N, C-alpha and C. Protein backbone atom coordinates (compact mmCIF):
# COMPACT_ATOMS: atom_id res chain seq x y z
N MET A 1 -14.50 -25.62 30.84
CA MET A 1 -15.16 -25.46 32.12
C MET A 1 -16.66 -25.43 31.88
N SER A 2 -17.39 -26.28 32.58
CA SER A 2 -18.83 -26.34 32.40
C SER A 2 -19.52 -25.21 33.14
N LEU A 3 -20.66 -24.78 32.62
CA LEU A 3 -21.40 -23.69 33.22
C LEU A 3 -22.28 -24.21 34.34
N PRO A 4 -22.60 -23.37 35.33
CA PRO A 4 -23.50 -23.79 36.39
C PRO A 4 -24.86 -24.16 35.82
N ALA A 5 -25.51 -25.12 36.46
CA ALA A 5 -26.78 -25.61 35.93
C ALA A 5 -27.91 -24.64 36.17
N ALA A 6 -27.95 -23.98 37.31
CA ALA A 6 -29.08 -23.12 37.65
C ALA A 6 -28.89 -21.75 37.05
N ALA A 7 -29.61 -21.46 35.96
CA ALA A 7 -29.45 -20.18 35.27
C ALA A 7 -29.94 -19.03 36.14
N SER A 8 -30.84 -19.30 37.08
CA SER A 8 -31.38 -18.23 37.90
C SER A 8 -30.33 -17.65 38.85
N THR A 9 -29.25 -18.38 39.09
CA THR A 9 -28.21 -17.88 39.99
C THR A 9 -27.21 -16.98 39.27
N HIS A 10 -27.31 -16.86 37.96
CA HIS A 10 -26.38 -16.03 37.21
C HIS A 10 -26.77 -14.56 37.38
N ARG A 11 -25.78 -13.71 37.43
CA ARG A 11 -26.01 -12.27 37.39
C ARG A 11 -25.33 -11.73 36.14
N THR A 12 -26.11 -11.18 35.24
CA THR A 12 -25.57 -10.67 33.99
C THR A 12 -24.85 -9.36 34.24
N LEU A 13 -23.57 -9.32 33.89
CA LEU A 13 -22.76 -8.12 34.05
C LEU A 13 -22.68 -7.32 32.76
N PHE A 14 -22.76 -8.00 31.64
CA PHE A 14 -22.66 -7.31 30.35
C PHE A 14 -23.37 -8.15 29.30
N GLN A 15 -24.08 -7.47 28.40
CA GLN A 15 -24.77 -8.17 27.32
C GLN A 15 -24.83 -7.24 26.12
N GLU A 16 -24.40 -7.73 24.98
CA GLU A 16 -24.39 -6.91 23.76
C GLU A 16 -24.58 -7.81 22.55
N ALA A 17 -25.44 -7.39 21.65
CA ALA A 17 -25.68 -8.11 20.40
C ALA A 17 -25.08 -7.33 19.24
N PHE A 18 -24.56 -8.04 18.25
CA PHE A 18 -23.98 -7.40 17.07
C PHE A 18 -24.07 -8.36 15.90
N SER A 19 -23.86 -7.82 14.72
CA SER A 19 -23.90 -8.64 13.51
C SER A 19 -22.66 -8.38 12.68
N LEU A 20 -22.21 -9.40 11.97
CA LEU A 20 -21.04 -9.29 11.10
C LEU A 20 -21.35 -9.96 9.77
N ARG A 21 -20.93 -9.30 8.71
CA ARG A 21 -21.09 -9.90 7.40
C ARG A 21 -19.97 -10.90 7.17
N LEU A 22 -20.33 -12.08 6.71
CA LEU A 22 -19.34 -13.12 6.48
C LEU A 22 -18.83 -13.06 5.05
N PRO A 23 -17.56 -13.34 4.83
CA PRO A 23 -17.01 -13.31 3.46
C PRO A 23 -17.43 -14.54 2.68
N ARG A 24 -16.93 -14.58 1.46
CA ARG A 24 -17.17 -15.70 0.56
C ARG A 24 -18.67 -15.97 0.36
N ASN A 25 -19.36 -14.90 -0.03
CA ASN A 25 -20.78 -15.07 -0.35
C ASN A 25 -20.92 -15.73 -1.71
N ASP A 26 -21.90 -16.58 -1.84
CA ASP A 26 -22.09 -17.35 -3.06
C ASP A 26 -23.28 -16.83 -3.85
N GLY A 27 -23.04 -16.61 -5.13
CA GLY A 27 -24.14 -16.27 -6.03
C GLY A 27 -24.88 -15.03 -5.61
N ASP A 28 -26.18 -15.17 -5.45
CA ASP A 28 -27.04 -14.04 -5.15
C ASP A 28 -27.39 -13.95 -3.67
N PHE A 29 -26.56 -14.49 -2.80
CA PHE A 29 -26.87 -14.52 -1.38
C PHE A 29 -25.72 -13.96 -0.55
N CYS A 30 -26.06 -13.34 0.58
CA CYS A 30 -25.10 -12.84 1.56
C CYS A 30 -25.31 -13.59 2.87
N ARG A 31 -24.21 -13.84 3.56
CA ARG A 31 -24.29 -14.52 4.86
C ARG A 31 -23.89 -13.55 5.97
N TYR A 32 -24.59 -13.64 7.07
CA TYR A 32 -24.32 -12.81 8.24
C TYR A 32 -24.31 -13.70 9.48
N VAL A 33 -23.46 -13.34 10.44
CA VAL A 33 -23.50 -13.99 11.75
C VAL A 33 -24.12 -12.99 12.73
N LEU A 34 -25.17 -13.42 13.39
CA LEU A 34 -25.82 -12.62 14.43
C LEU A 34 -25.35 -13.16 15.77
N ALA A 35 -24.62 -12.36 16.51
CA ALA A 35 -23.97 -12.84 17.73
C ALA A 35 -24.42 -12.02 18.93
N GLU A 36 -24.31 -12.65 20.09
CA GLU A 36 -24.60 -11.98 21.35
C GLU A 36 -23.54 -12.38 22.36
N LEU A 37 -22.90 -11.37 22.93
CA LEU A 37 -21.88 -11.59 23.96
C LEU A 37 -22.50 -11.36 25.32
N CYS A 38 -22.30 -12.30 26.22
CA CYS A 38 -22.86 -12.20 27.57
C CYS A 38 -21.76 -12.53 28.58
N ILE A 39 -21.59 -11.66 29.56
CA ILE A 39 -20.65 -11.90 30.66
C ILE A 39 -21.46 -11.91 31.95
N PHE A 40 -21.31 -12.94 32.74
CA PHE A 40 -22.09 -13.06 33.97
C PHE A 40 -21.25 -13.74 35.04
N ASP A 41 -21.72 -13.64 36.27
CA ASP A 41 -21.02 -14.29 37.38
C ASP A 41 -22.01 -15.10 38.21
N THR A 42 -21.47 -15.85 39.15
CA THR A 42 -22.26 -16.73 40.01
C THR A 42 -22.18 -16.21 41.45
N PRO A 43 -22.96 -16.77 42.36
CA PRO A 43 -22.85 -16.34 43.76
C PRO A 43 -21.45 -16.51 44.34
N HIS A 44 -20.64 -17.38 43.74
CA HIS A 44 -19.27 -17.58 44.22
C HIS A 44 -18.28 -16.67 43.49
N HIS A 45 -18.80 -15.69 42.74
CA HIS A 45 -17.99 -14.71 42.02
C HIS A 45 -17.06 -15.37 41.01
N VAL A 46 -17.56 -16.38 40.36
CA VAL A 46 -16.86 -16.98 39.22
C VAL A 46 -17.45 -16.37 37.96
N TRP A 47 -16.60 -15.78 37.15
CA TRP A 47 -17.06 -15.07 35.96
C TRP A 47 -17.01 -15.99 34.75
N PHE A 48 -17.99 -15.80 33.87
CA PHE A 48 -18.05 -16.55 32.63
C PHE A 48 -18.32 -15.58 31.48
N ALA A 49 -17.76 -15.89 30.33
CA ALA A 49 -18.08 -15.17 29.09
C ALA A 49 -18.62 -16.19 28.10
N ARG A 50 -19.71 -15.84 27.43
CA ARG A 50 -20.31 -16.77 26.49
C ARG A 50 -20.75 -16.00 25.26
N VAL A 51 -20.54 -16.59 24.10
CA VAL A 51 -21.00 -16.01 22.84
C VAL A 51 -22.00 -16.98 22.23
N SER A 52 -23.18 -16.47 21.93
CA SER A 52 -24.19 -17.23 21.20
C SER A 52 -24.32 -16.62 19.82
N TRP A 53 -24.49 -17.45 18.81
CA TRP A 53 -24.56 -16.90 17.45
C TRP A 53 -25.43 -17.78 16.57
N ASP A 54 -25.84 -17.16 15.50
CA ASP A 54 -26.59 -17.85 14.46
C ASP A 54 -26.17 -17.26 13.13
N VAL A 55 -26.29 -18.03 12.08
CA VAL A 55 -25.93 -17.58 10.74
C VAL A 55 -27.19 -17.53 9.90
N ILE A 56 -27.39 -16.41 9.22
CA ILE A 56 -28.54 -16.26 8.35
C ILE A 56 -28.07 -15.97 6.94
N VAL A 57 -28.90 -16.31 5.99
CA VAL A 57 -28.62 -16.06 4.57
C VAL A 57 -29.75 -15.20 4.03
N VAL A 58 -29.38 -14.11 3.38
CA VAL A 58 -30.38 -13.22 2.79
C VAL A 58 -30.04 -13.02 1.32
N ALA A 59 -31.05 -12.76 0.53
CA ALA A 59 -30.85 -12.52 -0.90
C ALA A 59 -30.11 -11.21 -1.10
N LYS A 60 -29.19 -11.20 -2.05
CA LYS A 60 -28.43 -9.99 -2.35
C LYS A 60 -29.35 -8.94 -2.95
N ARG A 61 -29.16 -7.72 -2.48
CA ARG A 61 -29.85 -6.58 -3.06
C ARG A 61 -28.82 -5.50 -3.33
N THR A 62 -29.29 -4.34 -3.75
CA THR A 62 -28.36 -3.27 -4.07
C THR A 62 -27.54 -2.89 -2.85
N SER A 63 -28.18 -2.83 -1.67
CA SER A 63 -27.46 -2.45 -0.46
C SER A 63 -26.43 -3.50 -0.07
N CYS A 64 -26.66 -4.76 -0.44
CA CYS A 64 -25.73 -5.83 -0.08
C CYS A 64 -24.53 -5.87 -1.02
N ALA A 65 -24.68 -5.32 -2.22
CA ALA A 65 -23.62 -5.39 -3.22
C ALA A 65 -22.69 -4.18 -3.16
N ARG A 66 -22.83 -3.34 -2.15
CA ARG A 66 -21.97 -2.17 -2.04
C ARG A 66 -20.55 -2.58 -1.65
N ALA A 67 -19.69 -1.58 -1.50
CA ALA A 67 -18.29 -1.85 -1.14
C ALA A 67 -18.22 -2.57 0.20
N ALA A 68 -17.09 -3.22 0.42
CA ALA A 68 -16.91 -4.00 1.65
C ALA A 68 -17.07 -3.10 2.87
N PRO A 69 -17.73 -3.58 3.93
CA PRO A 69 -17.94 -2.75 5.11
C PRO A 69 -16.64 -2.43 5.82
N ALA A 70 -16.63 -1.29 6.49
CA ALA A 70 -15.46 -0.86 7.25
C ALA A 70 -15.60 -1.33 8.69
N PRO A 71 -14.48 -1.43 9.41
CA PRO A 71 -14.56 -1.80 10.83
C PRO A 71 -15.41 -0.81 11.62
N ILE A 72 -16.09 -1.29 12.64
CA ILE A 72 -16.99 -0.47 13.46
C ILE A 72 -16.59 -0.63 14.92
N THR A 73 -16.63 0.46 15.67
CA THR A 73 -16.36 0.43 17.10
C THR A 73 -17.62 0.79 17.86
N LEU A 74 -18.03 -0.07 18.78
CA LEU A 74 -19.19 0.17 19.63
C LEU A 74 -18.70 0.61 21.01
N GLN A 75 -19.17 1.77 21.46
CA GLN A 75 -18.82 2.26 22.79
C GLN A 75 -19.99 1.98 23.72
N ARG A 76 -19.73 1.25 24.77
CA ARG A 76 -20.74 0.95 25.78
C ARG A 76 -20.22 1.36 27.15
N ASP A 77 -21.09 1.34 28.14
CA ASP A 77 -20.71 1.74 29.49
C ASP A 77 -19.63 0.81 30.02
N GLY A 78 -18.40 1.30 30.06
CA GLY A 78 -17.29 0.50 30.54
C GLY A 78 -16.73 -0.48 29.55
N ALA A 79 -17.21 -0.46 28.31
CA ALA A 79 -16.78 -1.45 27.31
C ALA A 79 -16.56 -0.78 25.96
N ARG A 80 -15.68 -1.41 25.18
CA ARG A 80 -15.38 -0.95 23.81
C ARG A 80 -15.26 -2.20 22.95
N ILE A 81 -16.12 -2.31 21.94
CA ILE A 81 -16.15 -3.48 21.08
C ILE A 81 -15.78 -3.05 19.66
N GLN A 82 -14.74 -3.67 19.12
CA GLN A 82 -14.27 -3.35 17.77
C GLN A 82 -14.64 -4.50 16.84
N LEU A 83 -15.56 -4.22 15.92
CA LEU A 83 -16.04 -5.22 14.98
C LEU A 83 -15.24 -5.11 13.69
N PRO A 84 -14.69 -6.21 13.19
CA PRO A 84 -13.87 -6.15 11.97
C PRO A 84 -14.72 -6.08 10.72
N ALA A 85 -14.08 -5.72 9.62
CA ALA A 85 -14.77 -5.74 8.33
C ALA A 85 -14.91 -7.15 7.80
N ASP A 86 -13.97 -8.02 8.12
CA ASP A 86 -14.00 -9.42 7.69
C ASP A 86 -14.03 -10.30 8.93
N ALA A 87 -15.14 -10.96 9.16
CA ALA A 87 -15.32 -11.72 10.40
C ALA A 87 -14.43 -12.95 10.46
N PHE A 88 -13.98 -13.47 9.32
CA PHE A 88 -13.15 -14.67 9.32
C PHE A 88 -11.66 -14.35 9.33
N THR A 89 -11.29 -13.16 8.87
CA THR A 89 -9.87 -12.79 8.82
C THR A 89 -9.41 -12.13 10.12
N ASP A 90 -10.23 -11.24 10.67
CA ASP A 90 -9.85 -10.48 11.87
C ASP A 90 -10.80 -10.80 13.01
N PRO A 91 -10.29 -10.82 14.25
CA PRO A 91 -11.16 -11.12 15.39
C PRO A 91 -11.94 -9.91 15.86
N VAL A 92 -12.87 -10.15 16.76
CA VAL A 92 -13.61 -9.09 17.46
C VAL A 92 -12.86 -8.81 18.76
N PHE A 93 -12.49 -7.55 18.98
CA PHE A 93 -11.79 -7.15 20.20
C PHE A 93 -12.76 -6.46 21.14
N CYS A 94 -12.87 -6.96 22.37
CA CYS A 94 -13.74 -6.37 23.38
C CYS A 94 -12.88 -5.99 24.59
N THR A 95 -12.83 -4.70 24.89
CA THR A 95 -12.05 -4.20 26.02
C THR A 95 -13.00 -3.73 27.11
N PHE A 96 -12.77 -4.19 28.33
CA PHE A 96 -13.64 -3.85 29.45
C PHE A 96 -12.83 -3.15 30.54
N ASP A 97 -13.29 -1.94 30.93
CA ASP A 97 -12.72 -1.24 32.08
C ASP A 97 -13.47 -1.61 33.36
N ARG A 98 -14.75 -1.88 33.21
CA ARG A 98 -15.57 -2.32 34.33
C ARG A 98 -16.77 -3.07 33.79
N LEU A 99 -17.41 -3.81 34.68
CA LEU A 99 -18.61 -4.57 34.33
C LEU A 99 -19.71 -4.17 35.31
N ARG A 100 -20.63 -3.34 34.82
CA ARG A 100 -21.69 -2.79 35.67
C ARG A 100 -21.07 -2.09 36.88
N ASP A 101 -21.34 -2.59 38.08
CA ASP A 101 -20.82 -1.95 39.29
C ASP A 101 -19.49 -2.53 39.73
N VAL A 102 -18.92 -3.43 38.94
CA VAL A 102 -17.66 -4.08 39.29
C VAL A 102 -16.51 -3.34 38.61
N ILE A 103 -15.65 -2.69 39.39
CA ILE A 103 -14.47 -2.03 38.86
C ILE A 103 -13.37 -3.08 38.74
N LEU A 104 -12.84 -3.24 37.55
CA LEU A 104 -11.84 -4.28 37.31
C LEU A 104 -10.46 -3.80 37.75
N PRO A 105 -9.69 -4.62 38.47
CA PRO A 105 -8.33 -4.21 38.85
C PRO A 105 -7.43 -4.03 37.63
N LYS A 106 -7.68 -4.80 36.58
CA LYS A 106 -6.97 -4.65 35.31
C LYS A 106 -7.98 -4.74 34.19
N ARG A 107 -7.72 -4.01 33.13
CA ARG A 107 -8.61 -4.09 31.98
C ARG A 107 -8.59 -5.50 31.39
N ILE A 108 -9.74 -5.92 30.91
CA ILE A 108 -9.87 -7.25 30.31
C ILE A 108 -10.03 -7.09 28.81
N LEU A 109 -9.26 -7.86 28.07
CA LEU A 109 -9.39 -7.93 26.62
C LEU A 109 -9.95 -9.30 26.27
N LEU A 110 -11.15 -9.31 25.72
CA LEU A 110 -11.79 -10.55 25.29
C LEU A 110 -11.75 -10.58 23.76
N ILE A 111 -11.14 -11.60 23.20
CA ILE A 111 -10.97 -11.73 21.75
C ILE A 111 -11.87 -12.86 21.27
N ILE A 112 -12.71 -12.55 20.29
CA ILE A 112 -13.63 -13.55 19.73
C ILE A 112 -13.17 -13.86 18.31
N HIS A 113 -12.86 -15.11 18.05
CA HIS A 113 -12.46 -15.55 16.71
C HIS A 113 -13.62 -16.34 16.10
N PHE A 114 -14.11 -15.87 14.95
CA PHE A 114 -15.11 -16.63 14.19
C PHE A 114 -14.40 -17.34 13.04
N ASN A 115 -14.72 -18.61 12.86
CA ASN A 115 -14.13 -19.40 11.79
C ASN A 115 -15.21 -20.24 11.13
N GLU A 116 -14.97 -20.53 9.86
CA GLU A 116 -15.88 -21.44 9.17
C GLU A 116 -15.56 -22.85 9.64
N ALA A 117 -16.58 -23.58 10.05
CA ALA A 117 -16.38 -24.93 10.56
C ALA A 117 -15.86 -25.83 9.45
N ALA A 118 -14.94 -26.72 9.81
CA ALA A 118 -14.35 -27.62 8.81
C ALA A 118 -15.37 -28.61 8.29
N ASP A 119 -16.27 -29.06 9.14
CA ASP A 119 -17.28 -30.04 8.74
C ASP A 119 -18.67 -29.45 8.95
N GLY A 120 -19.63 -30.11 8.37
CA GLY A 120 -21.01 -29.70 8.58
C GLY A 120 -21.54 -28.88 7.42
N PRO A 121 -22.75 -28.36 7.55
CA PRO A 121 -23.37 -27.61 6.46
C PRO A 121 -22.65 -26.30 6.20
N ALA A 122 -22.97 -25.70 5.06
CA ALA A 122 -22.28 -24.48 4.64
C ALA A 122 -22.52 -23.32 5.59
N LEU A 123 -23.61 -23.37 6.34
CA LEU A 123 -23.92 -22.26 7.24
C LEU A 123 -23.16 -22.35 8.55
N GLN A 124 -22.48 -23.46 8.81
CA GLN A 124 -21.90 -23.68 10.13
C GLN A 124 -20.69 -22.80 10.37
N VAL A 125 -20.68 -22.16 11.54
CA VAL A 125 -19.60 -21.28 11.97
C VAL A 125 -19.25 -21.66 13.40
N GLU A 126 -17.96 -21.63 13.71
CA GLU A 126 -17.52 -21.89 15.08
C GLU A 126 -16.82 -20.66 15.62
N ALA A 127 -16.83 -20.52 16.94
CA ALA A 127 -16.21 -19.37 17.59
C ALA A 127 -15.37 -19.84 18.76
N THR A 128 -14.25 -19.16 18.97
CA THR A 128 -13.39 -19.42 20.13
C THR A 128 -13.15 -18.11 20.86
N LEU A 129 -13.00 -18.20 22.18
CA LEU A 129 -12.79 -17.02 23.02
C LEU A 129 -11.40 -17.06 23.62
N GLU A 130 -10.79 -15.90 23.70
CA GLU A 130 -9.46 -15.76 24.30
C GLU A 130 -9.50 -14.55 25.23
N VAL A 131 -8.98 -14.69 26.43
CA VAL A 131 -9.02 -13.63 27.43
C VAL A 131 -7.60 -13.24 27.82
N LYS A 132 -7.36 -11.92 27.88
CA LYS A 132 -6.07 -11.39 28.33
C LYS A 132 -6.34 -10.22 29.26
N THR A 133 -5.36 -9.86 30.06
CA THR A 133 -5.44 -8.66 30.88
C THR A 133 -4.52 -7.60 30.29
N LEU A 134 -4.94 -6.35 30.42
CA LEU A 134 -4.18 -5.23 29.87
C LEU A 134 -3.71 -4.33 31.01
N PRO A 135 -2.56 -3.68 30.85
CA PRO A 135 -2.10 -2.74 31.88
C PRO A 135 -2.99 -1.52 31.91
N PRO A 136 -2.95 -0.74 33.00
CA PRO A 136 -3.74 0.49 33.07
C PRO A 136 -3.38 1.42 31.92
N PRO A 137 -4.32 2.27 31.48
CA PRO A 137 -4.06 3.13 30.32
C PRO A 137 -2.85 4.02 30.47
N GLN A 138 -2.54 4.47 31.72
CA GLN A 138 -1.42 5.41 31.87
C GLN A 138 -0.07 4.77 31.58
N PHE A 139 -0.03 3.43 31.50
CA PHE A 139 1.23 2.75 31.24
C PHE A 139 1.35 2.28 29.79
N THR A 140 0.37 2.56 28.98
CA THR A 140 0.47 2.19 27.57
C THR A 140 1.24 3.26 26.82
N GLY A 141 1.69 2.94 25.62
CA GLY A 141 2.49 3.88 24.85
C GLY A 141 1.67 5.06 24.37
N THR A 142 2.25 6.24 24.45
CA THR A 142 1.60 7.44 23.93
C THR A 142 2.61 8.23 23.12
N SER A 143 2.12 8.99 22.17
CA SER A 143 2.98 9.82 21.34
C SER A 143 3.23 11.15 22.04
N PRO A 144 4.30 11.86 21.68
CA PRO A 144 4.54 13.18 22.27
C PRO A 144 3.52 14.19 21.75
N TYR A 145 3.40 15.30 22.48
CA TYR A 145 2.50 16.37 22.04
C TYR A 145 3.03 17.00 20.76
N VAL A 146 2.12 17.32 19.88
CA VAL A 146 2.47 18.02 18.65
C VAL A 146 1.60 19.26 18.56
N SER A 147 2.22 20.43 18.48
CA SER A 147 1.44 21.66 18.42
C SER A 147 0.80 21.81 17.05
N LEU A 148 -0.39 22.37 17.03
CA LEU A 148 -1.13 22.57 15.78
C LEU A 148 -1.15 24.05 15.45
N PRO A 149 -0.53 24.46 14.34
CA PRO A 149 -0.48 25.88 13.99
C PRO A 149 -1.79 26.34 13.37
N ILE A 150 -2.82 26.46 14.17
CA ILE A 150 -4.13 26.89 13.67
C ILE A 150 -4.35 28.33 14.09
N CYS A 151 -4.67 29.18 13.12
CA CYS A 151 -4.91 30.58 13.44
C CYS A 151 -6.26 30.71 14.14
N THR A 152 -6.35 31.64 15.08
CA THR A 152 -7.59 31.82 15.83
C THR A 152 -8.38 32.95 15.19
N CYS A 153 -9.16 32.61 14.20
CA CYS A 153 -10.00 33.60 13.52
C CYS A 153 -11.40 33.53 14.10
N ALA A 154 -12.03 34.67 14.27
CA ALA A 154 -13.40 34.71 14.77
C ALA A 154 -14.34 34.43 13.62
N THR A 155 -14.98 33.29 13.64
CA THR A 155 -15.87 32.91 12.54
C THR A 155 -17.33 33.02 12.92
N GLY A 156 -17.62 33.29 14.19
CA GLY A 156 -19.02 33.38 14.60
C GLY A 156 -19.64 34.70 14.18
N MET A 157 -20.95 34.71 14.04
CA MET A 157 -21.68 35.92 13.67
C MET A 157 -22.53 36.36 14.84
N SER A 158 -22.62 37.65 15.05
CA SER A 158 -23.49 38.17 16.09
C SER A 158 -24.94 38.05 15.65
N ALA A 159 -25.86 38.30 16.59
CA ALA A 159 -27.27 38.10 16.30
C ALA A 159 -27.76 39.01 15.19
N GLY A 160 -27.23 40.24 15.14
CA GLY A 160 -27.70 41.16 14.13
C GLY A 160 -26.90 41.15 12.85
N GLU A 161 -25.92 40.26 12.75
CA GLU A 161 -25.03 40.24 11.59
C GLU A 161 -25.61 39.35 10.51
N ASP A 162 -25.55 39.81 9.29
CA ASP A 162 -26.08 39.06 8.16
C ASP A 162 -24.95 38.30 7.48
N SER A 163 -25.26 37.10 6.97
CA SER A 163 -24.23 36.31 6.30
C SER A 163 -23.74 36.98 5.03
N ASP A 164 -24.55 37.90 4.48
CA ASP A 164 -24.11 38.60 3.26
C ASP A 164 -22.94 39.53 3.54
N ASP A 165 -22.74 39.89 4.83
CA ASP A 165 -21.65 40.80 5.17
C ASP A 165 -20.31 40.09 5.25
N LEU A 166 -20.28 38.76 5.15
CA LEU A 166 -19.02 38.03 5.22
C LEU A 166 -18.21 38.26 3.95
N ASP A 167 -16.90 38.46 4.14
CA ASP A 167 -16.06 38.61 2.95
C ASP A 167 -15.72 37.23 2.40
N GLU A 168 -15.02 37.22 1.28
CA GLU A 168 -14.73 35.96 0.58
C GLU A 168 -13.88 35.02 1.41
N ASP A 169 -12.89 35.56 2.13
CA ASP A 169 -12.02 34.71 2.96
C ASP A 169 -12.80 34.04 4.08
N GLU A 170 -13.73 34.77 4.70
CA GLU A 170 -14.53 34.19 5.78
C GLU A 170 -15.46 33.10 5.27
N ILE A 171 -16.01 33.31 4.08
CA ILE A 171 -16.89 32.29 3.49
C ILE A 171 -16.11 31.02 3.19
N LEU A 172 -14.90 31.18 2.60
CA LEU A 172 -14.07 30.01 2.32
C LEU A 172 -13.67 29.29 3.60
N LEU A 173 -13.42 30.08 4.65
CA LEU A 173 -13.04 29.47 5.93
C LEU A 173 -14.18 28.63 6.50
N LEU A 174 -15.42 29.15 6.40
CA LEU A 174 -16.56 28.40 6.91
C LEU A 174 -16.84 27.16 6.07
N GLN A 175 -16.58 27.24 4.77
CA GLN A 175 -16.86 26.11 3.89
C GLN A 175 -15.79 25.03 3.96
N ASN A 176 -14.53 25.43 4.03
CA ASN A 176 -13.43 24.48 3.90
C ASN A 176 -12.66 24.23 5.18
N GLY A 177 -12.91 25.00 6.23
CA GLY A 177 -12.17 24.81 7.47
C GLY A 177 -10.82 25.51 7.44
N PHE A 178 -10.01 25.22 8.42
CA PHE A 178 -8.70 25.85 8.55
C PHE A 178 -7.69 25.16 7.66
N VAL A 179 -6.73 25.93 7.18
CA VAL A 179 -5.61 25.39 6.42
C VAL A 179 -4.46 25.17 7.40
N VAL A 180 -4.03 23.94 7.54
CA VAL A 180 -2.96 23.61 8.47
C VAL A 180 -1.65 23.57 7.70
N ASP A 181 -0.77 24.54 7.96
CA ASP A 181 0.53 24.60 7.30
C ASP A 181 1.57 23.91 8.16
N ALA A 182 2.78 23.76 7.60
CA ALA A 182 3.88 23.20 8.37
C ALA A 182 4.26 24.15 9.50
N LEU A 183 4.84 23.61 10.55
CA LEU A 183 5.25 24.44 11.67
C LEU A 183 6.30 25.44 11.23
N ASP A 184 6.15 26.69 11.69
CA ASP A 184 7.14 27.71 11.39
C ASP A 184 8.35 27.52 12.28
N THR A 185 9.52 27.68 11.71
CA THR A 185 10.76 27.61 12.50
C THR A 185 11.07 28.98 13.07
N ASP A 186 12.03 29.01 13.99
CA ASP A 186 12.44 30.28 14.58
C ASP A 186 13.01 31.21 13.52
N GLU A 187 13.70 30.64 12.51
CA GLU A 187 14.28 31.47 11.46
C GLU A 187 13.19 32.16 10.67
N ASP A 188 12.09 31.44 10.39
CA ASP A 188 10.99 32.05 9.65
C ASP A 188 10.38 33.19 10.45
N GLU A 189 10.28 33.01 11.79
CA GLU A 189 9.70 34.06 12.60
C GLU A 189 10.58 35.29 12.61
N GLU A 190 11.92 35.08 12.60
CA GLU A 190 12.82 36.21 12.59
C GLU A 190 12.71 36.97 11.28
N GLU A 191 12.50 36.27 10.17
CA GLU A 191 12.38 36.95 8.88
C GLU A 191 11.12 37.78 8.81
N ASP A 192 10.08 37.39 9.55
CA ASP A 192 8.82 38.11 9.49
C ASP A 192 8.81 39.36 10.37
N VAL A 193 9.83 39.54 11.21
CA VAL A 193 9.85 40.67 12.13
C VAL A 193 10.15 41.95 11.35
N ASP A 194 9.38 43.00 11.63
CA ASP A 194 9.59 44.29 10.98
C ASP A 194 10.73 45.01 11.70
N VAL A 195 11.80 45.26 10.97
CA VAL A 195 12.97 45.92 11.56
C VAL A 195 13.15 47.32 11.00
N SER A 196 12.04 47.96 10.62
CA SER A 196 12.13 49.30 10.05
C SER A 196 12.59 50.29 11.12
N ASP A 197 13.30 51.31 10.67
CA ASP A 197 13.83 52.31 11.60
C ASP A 197 12.71 53.16 12.15
N ASN A 198 12.87 53.62 13.41
CA ASN A 198 11.88 54.49 14.03
C ASN A 198 12.12 55.93 13.58
């Protein structure tokens, strides 16, 4: 579908820039794709999504030679963008609940696939877009509630209390956090009951 010719008639609903490190770096160089996602509509309320990108090559340095990057999630107003660690293996997932002042009847999932172009120079990258609709969140799968057996210990200090007054258990609690044990069964609770004679 071709885009409208008059750019002035477009209304930008969403715009976000991001970068991804590309795999298969050669020698002393790293490749990155600098991308920008733009969603806009026309006076006739026809929506378009467009991705613009460029590929840059930078010399490897100590920061570039570190371990492989982990996936990153960007939270934006009405949007959630999940950036993969490997731009060629995994797609970019963009979930939209709304676009600016437009409340969407169904959530939109926009999937961006980056691939190395079959022909052309080594820097060439191609991208494809895929759009799906998602059901409302209340109809997606959820796990049952699981109770957390965390003891409620008072760890705060009053204004006049000195940290030197903390005992060893309180210091360990502040340093290491709570110890989460397995859930106690009813039988264990019965064994802990004091049944001494009055």
